[in-house]
Amino acid sequence: MSETWRERLSRRRQEIGIDGPEYDYIKSYIEFYCSEADRRCKEIDMNKTVDQVIDSMKDEEFDRFTKSVIDSVHKKQGYDGQAPTQMA
């Protein structure tokens, strides 16, 4: 059975270093993070579904990929980890 990016993030979040208020923030705006992950998966292999690309990643590769996705969306949206912010 295929595991989505969101499901795998939930399972791997502590290994990635995402917890507490930051994880709550990500969950609140998950559609932004999922959209970026989907876009990047299509860049990796347009002939596979997003879930197939995610499933093909080893944990370490997924962790790096996901941290990059999160960092990118945080930067675009102005999340600094200090105070709650509104998404643009």
C-alpha atoms as a PDB file:
ATOM      1  CA  MET A   1       0.000   0.000   0.000  1.00  0.00           C
ATOM      2  CA  SER A   2       1.221   3.429  -0.920  1.00  0.00           C
ATOM      3  CA  GLU A   3       2.150   5.963   1.751  1.00  0.00           C
ATOM      4  CA  THR A   4       1.499   9.629   1.028  1.00  0.00           C
ATOM      5  CA  TRP A   5       3.979  12.399   1.766  1.00  0.00           C
ATOM      6  CA  ARG A   6       1.752  13.626   4.591  1.00  0.00           C
ATOM      7  CA  GLU A   7       1.543  10.162   6.180  1.00  0.00           C
ATOM      8  CA  ARG A   8       5.273   9.595   5.919  1.00  0.00           C
ATOM      9  CA  LEU A   9       5.987  13.047   7.346  1.00  0.00           C
ATOM     10  CA  SER A  10       3.800  12.187  10.314  1.00  0.00           C
ATOM     11  CA  ARG A  11       5.686   8.932  10.844  1.00  0.00           C
ATOM     12  CA  ARG A  12       9.195  10.397  10.301  1.00  0.00           C
ATOM     13  CA  ARG A  13       8.774  13.870  11.824  1.00  0.00           C
ATOM     14  CA  GLN A  14      10.894  13.244  14.900  1.00  0.00           C
ATOM     15  CA  GLU A  15      13.770  11.842  12.837  1.00  0.00           C
ATOM     16  CA  ILE A  16      13.540  14.904  10.593  1.00  0.00           C
ATOM     17  CA  GLY A  17      13.496  17.208  13.624  1.00  0.00           C
ATOM     18  CA  ILE A  18      10.001  18.590  13.136  1.00  0.00           C
ATOM     19  CA  ASP A  19       7.966  18.694  16.341  1.00  0.00           C
ATOM     20  CA  GLY A  20       5.945  20.906  18.653  1.00  0.00           C
ATOM     21  CA  PRO A  21       4.765  24.295  17.382  1.00  0.00           C
ATOM     22  CA  GLU A  22       6.547  23.879  14.051  1.00  0.00           C
ATOM     23  CA  TYR A  23       4.719  20.616  13.340  1.00  0.00           C
ATOM     24  CA  ASP A  24       1.427  22.208  14.430  1.00  0.00           C
ATOM     25  CA  TYR A  25       2.091  25.064  12.007  1.00  0.00           C
ATOM     26  CA  ILE A  26       2.831  22.641   9.168  1.00  0.00           C
ATOM     27  CA  LYS A  27      -0.369  20.698   9.896  1.00  0.00           C
ATOM     28  CA  SER A  28      -2.363  23.950   9.862  1.00  0.00           C
ATOM     29  CA  TYR A  29      -1.095  24.812   6.391  1.00  0.00           C
ATOM     30  CA  ILE A  30      -0.449  21.303   5.079  1.00  0.00           C
ATOM     31  CA  GLU A  31      -1.848  22.070   1.622  1.00  0.00           C
ATOM     32  CA  PHE A  32       1.083  24.430   0.933  1.00  0.00           C
ATOM     33  CA  TYR A  33       3.617  21.790   1.942  1.00  0.00           C
ATOM     34  CA  CYS A  34       1.858  19.007   0.031  1.00  0.00           C
ATOM     35  CA  SER A  35       1.701  21.156  -3.103  1.00  0.00           C
ATOM     36  CA  GLU A  36       5.447  21.810  -2.947  1.00  0.00           C
ATOM     37  CA  ALA A  37       6.188  18.133  -2.300  1.00  0.00           C
ATOM     38  CA  ASP A  38       3.959  17.141  -5.230  1.00  0.00           C
ATOM     39  CA  ARG A  39       5.681  19.636  -7.519  1.00  0.00           C
ATOM     40  CA  ARG A  40       9.118  18.351  -6.568  1.00  0.00           C
ATOM     41  CA  CYS A  41       8.077  14.716  -6.976  1.00  0.00           C
ATOM     42  CA  LYS A  42       6.964  15.478 -10.533  1.00  0.00           C
ATOM     43  CA  GLU A  43      10.385  17.052 -11.175  1.00  0.00           C
ATOM     44  CA  ILE A  44      12.001  13.814 -10.001  1.00  0.00           C
ATOM     45  CA  ASP A  45       9.909  11.571 -12.293  1.00  0.00           C
ATOM     46  CA  MET A  46       6.926  12.765 -14.307  1.00  0.00           C
ATOM     47  CA  ASN A  47       6.109   9.172 -15.310  1.00  0.00           C
ATOM     48  CA  LYS A  48       5.377   8.110 -11.727  1.00  0.00           C
ATOM     49  CA  THR A  49       2.642   9.210  -9.385  1.00  0.00           C
ATOM     50  CA  VAL A  50       3.650  11.349  -6.430  1.00  0.00           C
ATOM     51  CA  ASP A  51       3.037   8.418  -4.083  1.00  0.00           C
ATOM     52  CA  GLN A  52       5.247   6.152  -6.214  1.00  0.00           C
ATOM     53  CA  VAL A  53       8.097   8.661  -5.994  1.00  0.00           C
ATOM     54  CA  ILE A  54       7.661   8.946  -2.208  1.00  0.00           C
ATOM     55  CA  ASP A  55       7.486   5.158  -1.834  1.00  0.00           C
ATOM     56  CA  SER A  56      10.706   4.733  -3.802  1.00  0.00           C
ATOM     57  CA  MET A  57      12.686   6.927  -1.383  1.00  0.00           C
ATOM     58  CA  LYS A  58      14.732   5.407   1.412  1.00  0.00           C
ATOM     59  CA  ASP A  59      14.123   7.046   4.798  1.00  0.00           C
ATOM     60  CA  GLU A  60      17.292   9.167   4.637  1.00  0.00           C
ATOM     61  CA  GLU A  61      16.438  10.405   1.147  1.00  0.00           C
ATOM     62  CA  PHE A  62      12.849  11.152   2.203  1.00  0.00           C
ATOM     63  CA  ASP A  63      14.090  13.033   5.268  1.00  0.00           C
ATOM     64  CA  ARG A  64      16.386  15.273   3.174  1.00  0.00           C
ATOM     65  CA  PHE A  65      13.669  15.804   0.560  1.00  0.00           C
ATOM     66  CA  THR A  66      11.076  16.677   3.199  1.00  0.00           C
ATOM     67  CA  LYS A  67      13.355  19.034   5.133  1.00  0.00           C
ATOM     68  CA  SER A  68      14.054  20.838   1.867  1.00  0.00           C
ATOM     69  CA  VAL A  69      10.323  21.092   1.094  1.00  0.00           C
ATOM     70  CA  ILE A  70       9.571  22.424   4.578  1.00  0.00           C
ATOM     71  CA  ASP A  71      12.465  24.910   4.524  1.00  0.00           C
ATOM     72  CA  SER A  72      11.345  26.181   1.114  1.00  0.00           C
ATOM     73  CA  VAL A  73       7.722  26.711   2.149  1.00  0.00           C
ATOM     74  CA  HIS A  74       8.754  28.232   5.491  1.00  0.00           C
ATOM     75  CA  LYS A  75      10.920  30.734   3.616  1.00  0.00           C
ATOM     76  CA  LYS A  76       8.205  31.582   1.072  1.00  0.00           C
ATOM     77  CA  GLN A  77       5.640  32.108   3.820  1.00  0.00           C
ATOM     78  CA  GLY A  78       7.869  33.916   6.301  1.00  0.00           C
ATOM     79  CA  TYR A  79       7.733  31.318   9.065  1.00  0.00           C
ATOM     80  CA  ASP A  80      10.555  31.990  11.517  1.00  0.00           C
ATOM     81  CA  GLY A  81       9.683  29.562  14.303  1.00  0.00           C
ATOM     82  CA  GLN A  82       9.264  32.331  16.840  1.00  0.00           C
ATOM     83  CA  ALA A  83       5.734  33.663  16.561  1.00  0.00           C
ATOM     84  CA  PRO A  84       2.662  32.395  14.738  1.00  0.00           C
ATOM     85  CA  THR A  85       2.353  34.005  11.345  1.00  0.00           C
ATOM     86  CA  GLN A  86      -0.405  34.158   8.792  1.00  0.00           C
ATOM     87  CA  MET A  87       0.103  32.485   5.442  1.00  0.00           C
ATOM     88  CA  ALA A  88      -0.036  34.864   2.506  1.00  0.00           C
END
